[in-house]
Protein backbone atom coordinates (compact mmCIF):
# COMPACT_ATOMS: atom_id res chain seq x y z
CA MET A 1 4.65 -93.61 -177.02
CA ARG A 2 6.55 -94.99 -174.07
CA GLY A 3 7.33 -91.52 -172.95
CA LEU A 4 3.57 -90.80 -172.87
CA PHE A 5 2.63 -94.32 -171.24
CA THR A 6 5.51 -92.97 -168.40
CA PHE A 7 4.20 -89.96 -168.31
CA ILE A 8 0.62 -91.02 -167.59
CA ALA A 9 2.13 -93.44 -165.06
CA ILE A 10 3.78 -90.88 -163.42
CA CYS A 11 0.61 -88.45 -162.95
CA LEU A 12 -1.51 -92.17 -161.77
CA SER A 13 1.05 -92.22 -159.18
CA PHE A 14 1.23 -88.85 -157.93
CA SER A 15 -2.37 -88.50 -157.77
CA VAL A 16 -2.56 -92.10 -155.68
CA PHE A 17 -0.27 -90.37 -153.60
CA THR A 18 -2.02 -87.09 -153.25
CA ILE A 19 -5.26 -89.20 -152.71
CA ALA A 20 -3.44 -91.37 -150.06
CA GLN A 21 -2.04 -88.11 -148.34
CA SER A 22 -5.75 -86.23 -148.39
CA THR A 23 -7.33 -89.01 -147.12
CA GLU A 24 -5.74 -88.96 -143.10
CA PRO A 25 -6.89 -85.03 -142.71
CA ASN A 26 -10.39 -85.44 -143.98
CA VAL A 27 -11.21 -88.00 -141.86
CA ALA A 28 -9.51 -86.00 -138.95
CA GLY A 29 -11.30 -83.25 -139.69
CA LYS A 30 -14.78 -85.44 -139.88
CA CYS A 31 -13.86 -86.84 -136.58
CA ILE A 32 -12.81 -83.10 -135.01
CA THR A 33 -16.23 -81.01 -136.61
CA CYS A 34 -18.27 -83.95 -135.40
CA HIS A 35 -17.05 -84.56 -131.60
CA LYS A 36 -17.32 -80.66 -131.44
CA GLU A 37 -20.43 -81.12 -131.37
CA LEU A 38 -21.53 -84.66 -129.53
CA THR A 39 -18.93 -84.86 -126.91
CA ALA A 40 -18.12 -81.46 -126.07
CA GLY A 41 -15.84 -82.19 -123.26
CA LEU A 42 -13.72 -84.51 -125.30
CA TYR A 43 -13.59 -82.39 -127.92
CA HIS A 44 -12.29 -79.34 -125.93
CA GLN A 45 -9.78 -81.98 -123.85
CA TRP A 46 -8.21 -82.98 -127.18
CA LYS A 47 -8.13 -79.17 -128.19
CA ASN A 48 -6.32 -77.58 -125.08
CA SER A 49 -3.79 -80.87 -125.11
CA GLU A 50 -0.31 -81.28 -126.23
CA HIS A 51 -1.76 -83.74 -128.95
CA ALA A 52 -3.50 -80.79 -130.63
CA ARG A 53 -0.50 -78.60 -130.71
CA HIS A 54 1.67 -81.10 -132.06
CA ASN A 55 -1.20 -81.89 -134.97
CA ILE A 56 -1.76 -85.38 -133.73
CA THR A 57 -5.71 -85.94 -134.41
CA CYS A 58 -8.10 -87.98 -133.49
CA TYR A 59 -7.25 -90.41 -136.37
CA ASP A 60 -3.73 -90.34 -135.64
CA CYS A 61 -4.55 -92.48 -132.31
CA HIS A 62 -7.87 -94.14 -133.31
CA GLN A 63 -6.84 -95.32 -136.93
CA ALA A 64 -7.06 -99.63 -136.90
CA GLN A 65 -5.27 -101.62 -139.47
CA LYS A 66 -6.94 -104.29 -141.65
CA GLY A 67 -7.70 -107.70 -139.28
CA ASP A 68 -7.17 -105.94 -136.26
CA ALA A 69 -10.10 -107.38 -134.01
CA ASP A 70 -11.09 -104.49 -132.84
CA GLY A 71 -11.54 -102.31 -135.69
CA PHE A 72 -14.59 -101.31 -137.15
CA MET A 73 -15.80 -98.75 -140.06
CA HIS A 74 -17.40 -95.42 -138.89
CA GLU A 75 -18.37 -92.76 -140.87
CA GLY A 76 -16.00 -94.27 -143.70
CA ALA A 77 -13.21 -94.72 -141.47
CA LEU A 78 -11.72 -97.90 -139.92
CA ILE A 79 -11.41 -97.30 -136.78
CA SER A 80 -10.98 -98.68 -133.15
CA THR A 81 -12.15 -97.21 -129.94
CA LEU A 82 -9.53 -98.67 -127.84
CA VAL A 83 -5.80 -97.22 -127.71
CA SER A 84 -3.28 -99.89 -126.30
CA PRO A 85 0.39 -99.03 -125.41
CA LYS A 86 1.33 -100.60 -128.73
CA ASP A 87 -0.47 -97.41 -130.34
CA CYS A 88 1.32 -94.75 -128.28
CA GLY A 89 4.40 -96.29 -128.97
CA VAL A 90 4.62 -95.48 -132.78
CA CYS A 91 5.62 -91.93 -131.32
CA HIS A 92 6.49 -93.43 -127.83
CA PRO A 93 8.35 -96.20 -128.29
CA GLY A 94 10.99 -95.68 -125.45
CA GLU A 95 8.39 -95.25 -122.84
CA THR A 96 6.03 -97.87 -123.64
CA LYS A 97 9.24 -100.42 -123.40
CA GLN A 98 9.79 -98.76 -120.11
CA VAL A 99 5.97 -99.99 -119.22
CA ASP A 100 6.30 -103.11 -120.63
CA ASN A 101 9.04 -104.33 -118.67
CA SER A 102 7.43 -102.86 -115.29
CA TYR A 103 5.40 -104.26 -112.67
CA HIS A 104 2.29 -102.49 -113.72
CA ALA A 105 2.22 -104.16 -116.73
CA THR A 106 1.67 -107.45 -115.12
CA ALA A 107 -1.21 -105.99 -113.09
CA GLY A 108 -3.36 -107.52 -115.33
CA LEU A 109 -2.25 -110.90 -114.48
CA ILE A 110 -4.22 -110.94 -110.97
CA LEU A 111 -7.09 -112.64 -113.11
CA GLU A 112 -5.46 -116.16 -111.70
CA SER A 113 -4.16 -114.89 -108.09
CA ILE A 114 -6.13 -115.58 -104.99
CA ASP A 115 -7.03 -112.03 -104.64
CA ALA A 116 -9.58 -112.48 -108.00
CA TYR A 117 -10.52 -115.63 -106.90
CA LEU A 118 -11.53 -114.46 -103.73
CA ALA A 119 -13.76 -111.47 -105.59
CA HIS A 120 -15.36 -114.14 -107.64
CA VAL A 121 -16.24 -116.55 -105.18
CA ALA A 122 -16.69 -114.38 -101.84
CA GLY A 123 -17.93 -111.53 -103.88
CA GLY A 124 -19.41 -112.00 -107.16
CA HIS A 125 -18.36 -111.34 -110.53
CA PRO A 126 -19.71 -108.00 -111.03
CA ALA A 127 -17.90 -106.92 -107.94
CA ALA A 128 -14.50 -108.53 -110.14
CA ILE A 129 -15.62 -106.35 -113.10
CA ALA A 130 -16.07 -102.92 -111.78
CA GLY A 131 -13.29 -102.99 -108.41
CA CYS A 132 -10.49 -105.32 -109.13
CA GLU A 133 -10.42 -105.30 -112.94
CA SER A 134 -10.88 -101.18 -112.76
CA CYS A 135 -7.55 -101.00 -111.39
CA HIS A 136 -5.37 -103.72 -112.23
CA GLY A 137 -6.81 -103.89 -116.13
CA THR A 138 -8.96 -106.92 -117.53
CA LYS A 139 -8.53 -108.79 -120.85
CA VAL A 140 -10.68 -107.02 -123.51
CA VAL A 141 -13.13 -109.33 -125.04
CA ILE A 142 -14.42 -108.92 -128.54
CA ASP A 143 -17.88 -108.73 -129.34
CA LYS A 144 -18.56 -108.97 -132.96
CA ASN A 145 -22.13 -107.61 -132.67
CA SER A 146 -21.09 -104.67 -130.34
CA PRO A 147 -20.99 -101.29 -133.00
CA ASN A 148 -17.61 -100.54 -131.41
CA LYS A 149 -16.37 -104.38 -131.22
CA LEU A 150 -15.64 -104.21 -127.49
CA ALA A 151 -17.77 -106.07 -124.82
CA MET A 152 -19.51 -104.18 -122.20
CA GLN A 153 -17.95 -106.96 -119.25
CA SER A 154 -14.61 -105.19 -120.22
CA TRP A 155 -15.11 -101.93 -121.61
CA PRO A 156 -14.47 -99.34 -120.45
CA ASN A 157 -11.34 -99.96 -118.88
CA SER A 158 -8.18 -98.41 -117.85
CA GLY A 159 -6.62 -100.66 -116.11
CA ILE A 160 -2.79 -100.45 -115.83
CA GLY A 161 -2.32 -103.94 -117.15
CA ARG A 162 -5.06 -104.31 -119.11
CA LEU A 163 -4.51 -107.07 -121.53
CA ASN A 164 -5.24 -105.99 -125.36
CA PRO A 165 -6.57 -107.09 -128.26
CA ASP A 166 -3.40 -106.41 -129.73
CA GLY A 167 -1.12 -108.36 -127.79
CA SER A 168 0.15 -105.56 -125.76
CA LYS A 169 -0.43 -104.95 -121.91
CA GLY A 170 -0.94 -101.86 -120.14
CA SER A 171 -3.20 -98.62 -120.75
CA CYS A 172 -1.23 -95.20 -120.76
CA ASN A 173 -4.44 -93.46 -119.83
CA ALA A 174 -4.07 -95.23 -116.69
CA CYS A 175 -2.05 -91.86 -115.52
CA HIS A 176 -2.71 -89.68 -118.72
CA SER A 177 -6.30 -89.55 -118.56
CA ARG A 178 -7.88 -89.51 -121.76
CA HIS A 179 -8.12 -87.09 -123.76
CA SER A 180 -6.17 -84.05 -122.14
CA PHE A 181 -3.20 -86.38 -121.81
CA SER A 182 -1.80 -84.13 -119.09
CA LYS A 183 1.69 -84.26 -117.63
CA ALA A 184 0.58 -82.38 -114.65
CA GLN A 185 -2.12 -84.86 -113.44
CA ALA A 186 0.37 -87.65 -114.13
CA ARG A 187 2.45 -86.07 -111.51
CA GLN A 188 -0.11 -85.61 -108.79
CA PRO A 189 -0.62 -87.92 -106.27
CA GLU A 190 -4.43 -88.15 -106.86
CA THR A 191 -3.65 -90.20 -109.89
CA CYS A 192 -1.73 -92.90 -108.49
CA GLY A 193 -4.45 -92.89 -105.11
CA LYS A 194 -6.90 -94.14 -107.74
CA CYS A 195 -5.34 -97.43 -106.83
CA HIS A 196 -2.85 -97.33 -104.78
CA LEU A 197 -5.31 -96.76 -101.45
CA GLY A 198 -7.12 -98.87 -98.79
CA PRO A 199 -6.61 -101.51 -96.49
CA ASP A 200 -4.17 -103.62 -98.49
CA HIS A 201 -2.00 -100.90 -100.39
CA PRO A 202 -2.93 -97.29 -98.65
CA GLN A 203 0.05 -95.57 -100.17
CA LYS A 204 -2.28 -92.73 -101.06
CA GLU A 205 -3.05 -92.41 -97.15
CA ILE A 206 0.46 -92.67 -96.19
CA TYR A 207 1.90 -90.11 -98.48
CA GLU A 208 -0.75 -87.73 -97.19
CA GLU A 209 0.13 -88.39 -93.73
CA SER A 210 3.56 -87.93 -94.11
CA LYS A 211 6.05 -84.76 -94.13
CA HIS A 212 6.13 -85.29 -98.07
CA GLY A 213 2.18 -84.98 -98.67
CA ILE A 214 1.95 -82.08 -95.42
CA ALA A 215 3.93 -80.10 -97.74
CA TYR A 216 2.59 -81.18 -101.21
CA PHE A 217 -0.62 -79.96 -100.27
CA THR A 218 1.13 -76.86 -98.31
CA HIS A 219 2.87 -75.81 -101.73
CA ILE A 220 1.14 -77.31 -104.32
CA GLU A 221 0.68 -73.88 -106.12
CA ASP A 222 4.81 -74.11 -106.46
CA MET A 223 4.98 -77.23 -107.62
CA ASN A 224 5.45 -76.06 -111.61
CA LEU A 225 3.37 -79.33 -112.64
CA ASP A 226 2.75 -78.27 -115.77
CA ALA A 227 6.61 -77.56 -116.86
CA ASP A 228 7.89 -79.69 -119.98
CA ARG A 229 11.07 -80.25 -118.14
CA TRP A 230 10.33 -81.22 -114.67
CA ILE A 231 13.48 -81.77 -112.87
CA VAL A 232 13.78 -82.14 -108.82
CA GLY A 233 15.77 -79.76 -107.29
CA GLN A 234 15.64 -77.51 -110.13
CA ASP A 235 12.35 -76.68 -111.61
CA TYR A 236 10.60 -77.53 -108.29
CA PHE A 237 11.66 -78.24 -104.86
CA GLU A 238 8.66 -77.92 -102.03
CA ALA A 239 7.89 -81.64 -101.83
CA PRO A 240 7.79 -84.31 -103.76
CA THR A 241 4.82 -86.68 -105.42
CA CYS A 242 4.90 -90.25 -106.10
CA ALA A 243 6.08 -89.59 -109.65
CA THR A 244 9.34 -87.63 -108.08
CA CYS A 245 10.44 -90.39 -106.39
CA HIS A 246 9.35 -93.31 -108.35
CA MET A 247 9.65 -92.01 -112.10
CA SER A 248 10.76 -88.17 -112.86
CA ALA A 249 13.38 -87.24 -113.70
CA THR A 250 16.94 -85.64 -111.26
CA LYS A 251 19.97 -83.81 -112.43
CA ASP A 252 21.62 -87.55 -112.39
CA GLN A 253 18.82 -89.67 -113.77
CA LEU A 254 16.25 -89.45 -117.15
CA LEU A 255 12.16 -89.89 -116.22
CA THR A 256 11.72 -93.74 -116.62
CA HIS A 257 8.55 -95.07 -116.76
CA ASP A 258 9.36 -98.30 -115.03
CA VAL A 259 7.98 -97.74 -111.39
CA GLY A 260 10.66 -100.58 -110.11
CA ASP A 261 13.73 -98.83 -111.12
CA ARG A 262 13.76 -97.66 -107.50
CA ILE A 263 12.32 -100.07 -105.39
CA SER A 264 14.67 -102.15 -102.96
CA TRP A 265 12.28 -104.42 -101.69
CA THR A 266 9.00 -105.97 -102.73
CA LEU A 267 6.34 -105.39 -100.19
CA ARG A 268 3.75 -107.32 -101.89
CA PRO A 269 4.34 -111.45 -100.85
CA ILE A 270 3.76 -112.92 -97.35
CA VAL A 271 7.33 -112.58 -96.50
CA SER A 272 9.28 -109.16 -97.98
CA LYS A 273 12.17 -109.90 -100.51
CA LEU A 274 14.66 -108.04 -101.64
CA TYR A 275 14.98 -107.83 -106.02
CA ASP A 276 18.34 -109.40 -106.85
CA ASN A 277 19.87 -105.92 -107.82
CA TRP A 278 18.46 -104.37 -104.82
CA GLU A 279 21.57 -102.08 -104.22
CA GLU A 280 21.47 -100.75 -107.82
CA ARG A 281 17.56 -99.85 -107.01
CA ARG A 282 18.34 -98.55 -103.29
CA GLU A 283 20.86 -96.21 -105.03
CA ASN A 284 18.84 -95.08 -107.17
CA MET A 285 16.23 -93.81 -105.06
CA ILE A 286 18.84 -92.23 -102.76
CA ASN A 287 19.61 -90.24 -105.83
CA VAL A 288 16.22 -88.89 -105.40
CA CYS A 289 16.67 -88.53 -101.72
CA SER A 290 19.51 -86.71 -102.04
CA THR A 291 18.17 -83.40 -103.59
CA CYS A 292 16.99 -82.48 -100.19
CA HIS A 293 18.50 -84.85 -97.56
CA SER A 294 22.04 -85.54 -96.04
CA ARG A 295 23.59 -88.98 -96.84
CA LYS A 296 23.26 -89.22 -93.02
CA PHE A 297 19.39 -88.72 -92.90
CA ILE A 298 19.11 -91.25 -96.32
CA ASP A 299 20.73 -93.93 -94.29
CA GLY A 300 18.80 -93.28 -91.27
CA HIS A 301 15.37 -93.56 -93.25
CA TYR A 302 16.41 -96.78 -94.44
CA TYR A 303 18.09 -98.46 -91.49
CA GLN A 304 14.88 -97.91 -90.11
CA PHE A 305 12.41 -99.17 -92.86
CA ASP A 306 14.57 -102.58 -93.25
CA GLY A 307 13.83 -102.78 -89.61
CA VAL A 308 10.26 -102.69 -89.78
CA VAL A 309 10.27 -105.18 -92.86
CA ASN A 310 12.88 -107.67 -91.00
CA LEU A 311 10.85 -107.76 -87.66
CA TYR A 312 7.57 -108.30 -89.94
CA ASN A 313 8.93 -111.31 -91.77
CA GLU A 314 11.14 -112.95 -88.76
CA LYS A 315 8.50 -112.05 -85.56
CA TYR A 316 5.21 -112.93 -87.68
CA ALA A 317 5.25 -113.80 -91.66
CA LYS A 318 7.82 -116.63 -91.40
CA PRO A 319 6.06 -118.33 -88.16
CA ALA A 320 2.51 -117.69 -89.73
CA LEU A 321 3.64 -119.12 -92.84
CA GLU A 322 5.18 -122.54 -91.28
CA VAL A 323 1.79 -122.79 -89.32
CA MET A 324 0.24 -122.72 -92.55
CA ASN A 325 2.30 -125.07 -94.58
CA ILE A 326 2.26 -127.33 -91.79
CA LEU A 327 -1.75 -127.41 -91.70
CA LYS A 328 -1.72 -127.73 -95.50
CA LYS A 329 0.71 -130.42 -95.57
CA ASN A 330 -1.25 -132.32 -92.66
CA LYS A 331 -4.63 -131.84 -94.92
CA SER A 332 -5.96 -130.38 -91.40
CA LEU A 333 -7.75 -127.36 -92.94
CA PRO A 334 -11.47 -128.33 -93.86
CA SER A 335 -11.59 -130.01 -96.71
CA LYS A 336 -13.77 -127.67 -98.69
CA ALA A 337 -13.07 -124.59 -100.83
CA SER A 338 -10.16 -121.97 -99.78
CA PHE A 339 -10.88 -119.58 -97.51
CA SER A 340 -14.26 -121.83 -96.12
CA ASN A 341 -12.33 -121.24 -92.91
CA ASP A 342 -11.59 -118.91 -90.59
CA VAL A 343 -7.66 -119.62 -89.88
CA GLU A 344 -7.26 -118.68 -93.87
CA TRP A 345 -8.87 -115.44 -93.51
CA ILE A 346 -7.48 -114.25 -90.87
CA PHE A 347 -3.62 -115.21 -91.87
CA TRP A 348 -4.84 -113.74 -95.38
CA GLU A 349 -5.36 -110.47 -93.81
CA LEU A 350 -2.35 -110.80 -91.16
CA TRP A 351 -0.20 -110.27 -94.04
CA HIS A 352 -2.08 -108.96 -97.30
CA HIS A 353 -3.62 -106.43 -95.07
CA GLU A 354 -2.32 -105.38 -91.60
CA GLY A 355 1.31 -106.34 -92.98
CA ARG A 356 1.68 -104.65 -95.78
CA ARG A 357 0.05 -101.67 -94.44
CA ALA A 358 2.75 -101.42 -91.92
CA ARG A 359 5.72 -102.41 -94.29
CA HIS A 360 4.05 -99.50 -96.81
CA GLY A 361 3.99 -97.30 -93.73
CA ALA A 362 7.83 -97.50 -92.93
CA SER A 363 9.01 -97.11 -96.48
CA MET A 364 7.13 -93.73 -96.51
CA MET A 365 7.63 -92.35 -93.40
CA GLY A 366 3.90 -92.92 -92.29
CA PRO A 367 3.93 -93.87 -88.71
CA ASP A 368 0.44 -94.17 -87.96
CA TYR A 369 0.05 -96.91 -90.65
CA THR A 370 3.46 -98.36 -89.46
CA TRP A 371 2.20 -99.04 -86.19
CA TRP A 372 -1.67 -98.22 -85.06
CA HIS A 373 -2.85 -99.37 -88.41
CA GLY A 374 -0.19 -101.69 -89.17
CA ILE A 375 2.35 -103.69 -86.40
CA TYR A 376 -0.35 -103.27 -83.91
CA ASP A 377 -2.53 -104.81 -85.73
CA VAL A 378 -0.75 -107.35 -87.15
CA ALA A 379 0.26 -108.41 -83.55
CA GLN A 380 -3.33 -108.28 -82.45
CA HIS A 381 -4.07 -110.76 -85.16
CA PHE A 382 -1.35 -113.13 -84.97
CA TYR A 383 -1.37 -113.57 -81.28
CA PHE A 384 -5.40 -113.72 -80.32
CA LYS A 385 -6.76 -114.66 -83.72
CA PHE A 386 -4.61 -117.04 -85.59
CA ILE A 387 -3.22 -118.63 -83.25
CA PRO A 388 -6.36 -119.92 -81.76
CA ALA A 389 -7.89 -120.48 -84.70
CA ALA A 390 -4.79 -123.02 -85.56
CA PHE A 391 -5.03 -124.00 -82.27
CA GLU A 392 -9.34 -125.43 -82.75
CA LEU A 393 -8.17 -127.48 -85.47
CA GLU A 394 -5.97 -129.63 -83.36
CA ASP A 395 -3.25 -130.32 -85.54
CA GLU A 396 -0.49 -131.45 -83.34
CA GLU A 397 2.70 -131.19 -85.13
CA ALA A 398 1.45 -126.84 -85.48
CA THR A 399 0.51 -127.18 -81.97
CA ALA A 400 3.88 -127.89 -80.85
CA TYR A 401 5.15 -125.38 -83.22
CA ILE A 402 3.37 -122.89 -81.30
CA GLU A 403 3.80 -123.55 -78.18
CA ASN A 404 7.60 -124.19 -78.63
CA MET A 405 7.70 -120.64 -80.47
CA LEU A 406 5.86 -118.83 -77.40
CA ALA A 407 8.08 -120.50 -74.46
CA ASN A 408 11.31 -120.57 -76.18
CA ASP A 409 11.68 -117.64 -78.57
CA PRO A 410 12.82 -114.24 -76.79
CA MET A 411 10.39 -112.23 -79.29
CA HIS A 412 7.20 -113.66 -78.45
CA SER A 413 7.81 -115.39 -74.95
CA TRP A 414 6.83 -111.99 -73.39
CA MET A 415 3.19 -113.33 -73.03
CA ASN A 416 4.34 -115.46 -70.03
CA ARG A 417 6.35 -113.47 -68.20
CA PRO A 418 5.70 -110.49 -65.21
CA THR A 419 4.72 -106.94 -66.73
CA ASP A 420 7.00 -105.59 -64.26
CA GLU A 421 9.98 -107.64 -65.80
CA LEU A 422 9.69 -106.28 -69.21
CA LYS A 423 8.96 -102.78 -68.70
CA LYS A 424 12.78 -103.11 -66.88
CA GLU A 425 14.38 -105.19 -70.18
CA ILE A 426 12.58 -101.89 -71.70
CA LYS A 427 13.94 -98.64 -69.75
CA SER A 428 17.56 -100.72 -69.94
CA GLY A 429 17.60 -101.00 -73.44
CA GLU A 430 17.74 -104.95 -73.25
CA MET A 431 14.52 -105.67 -75.27
CA GLN A 432 15.81 -103.21 -78.22
CA GLY A 433 19.06 -105.35 -78.09
CA LEU A 434 17.12 -108.26 -78.42
CA TYR A 435 15.95 -106.64 -82.16
CA GLU A 436 19.21 -105.12 -83.34
CA LYS A 437 19.75 -107.79 -85.80
CA MET A 438 16.54 -106.43 -87.53
CA PHE A 439 18.17 -103.28 -88.82
CA ALA A 440 20.51 -104.91 -91.27
CA PRO A 441 19.59 -104.76 -94.41
CA VAL A 442 20.00 -108.52 -95.37
CA MET A 443 18.99 -111.35 -92.92
CA ARG A 444 21.92 -113.57 -92.68
């Protein structure tokens, strides 16, 4: 009798196991059959993807667990519309960890920044949703009354730093667009250009004017973008893309999803800063450059790039920031909301727009963005908008600081000297010598 019960128990266990194993294929098949008719484009994107070739189905990615805030019953299965990095990390743990450690993953925190403040008060909430949050990401809000549990104010959203209901940060489909998740698409500069363009960070436009961009668009058919292995100098060599320099593999480095691993300067703040481990980061980037360029060429580029960044820092950013700090300390700014006066707007555009364009232009070898869209505009804003606006506030300390700078600082005293005298200094090299110290990567 005990043997009979044991046999029955084994049979029942086997039956339960069989049912559990067969549930997923049944659900997956139902998803595929239905969506092939209802959303044919989505179906074909998946059907032609690497996921489909490896039998990764809709349900593998969209399956929800009991208790998930965004889980809901759909055609007999518990699923979630949103697929987060935590979900992708089941199969791609290394890539997910790298993204989570990257600056991209923090992009959603812009919701607490001055940028977001401006979008909400000077613009308006709809602009912040469809503009800022579409690139940076938003906090996904749960709406229990919505069929898919996601509130329309936060969905759709594929922002790179999206704050997901499961606590994860980011959105893999910001670069690997659903549902094809194409490697080739992620490797193309247009993918990065969804967010990295415009007045304050025109990396896409800078790339397009650079020799790198010109070479890419000339030889795009030779870039081998669909290849599984994509090592610069071996699998392609005509040009680099954004992915080449910031993420992709070299003969000495593995692919990384931490886009900051090869960046030595942070060019986002008012005053540019070198990272603590900037030498290591720079060597990582130099390793990429060395595929096509000599070390002398690369060192020359960084000599020029560091010069522009230090010039911007020392001549414009630090003095302008000092003036703003004096005005704030003395409570000389109008006692209203931030940006309710000219001087704050001018200062903002000086560093956030023109200053960034100049620095990014120099970093990516874009001469027009370094000068005409960069330092040219910085200088014009600094001398003929910012300084006059600061004078109008009649703060004695700020006025004294500016007047001393214009009279005694060799970088600024040109305004009070004869043109012919200045031209002679340019011709003799004396003017160039004034800025020689700017070319050191660390100003001491």
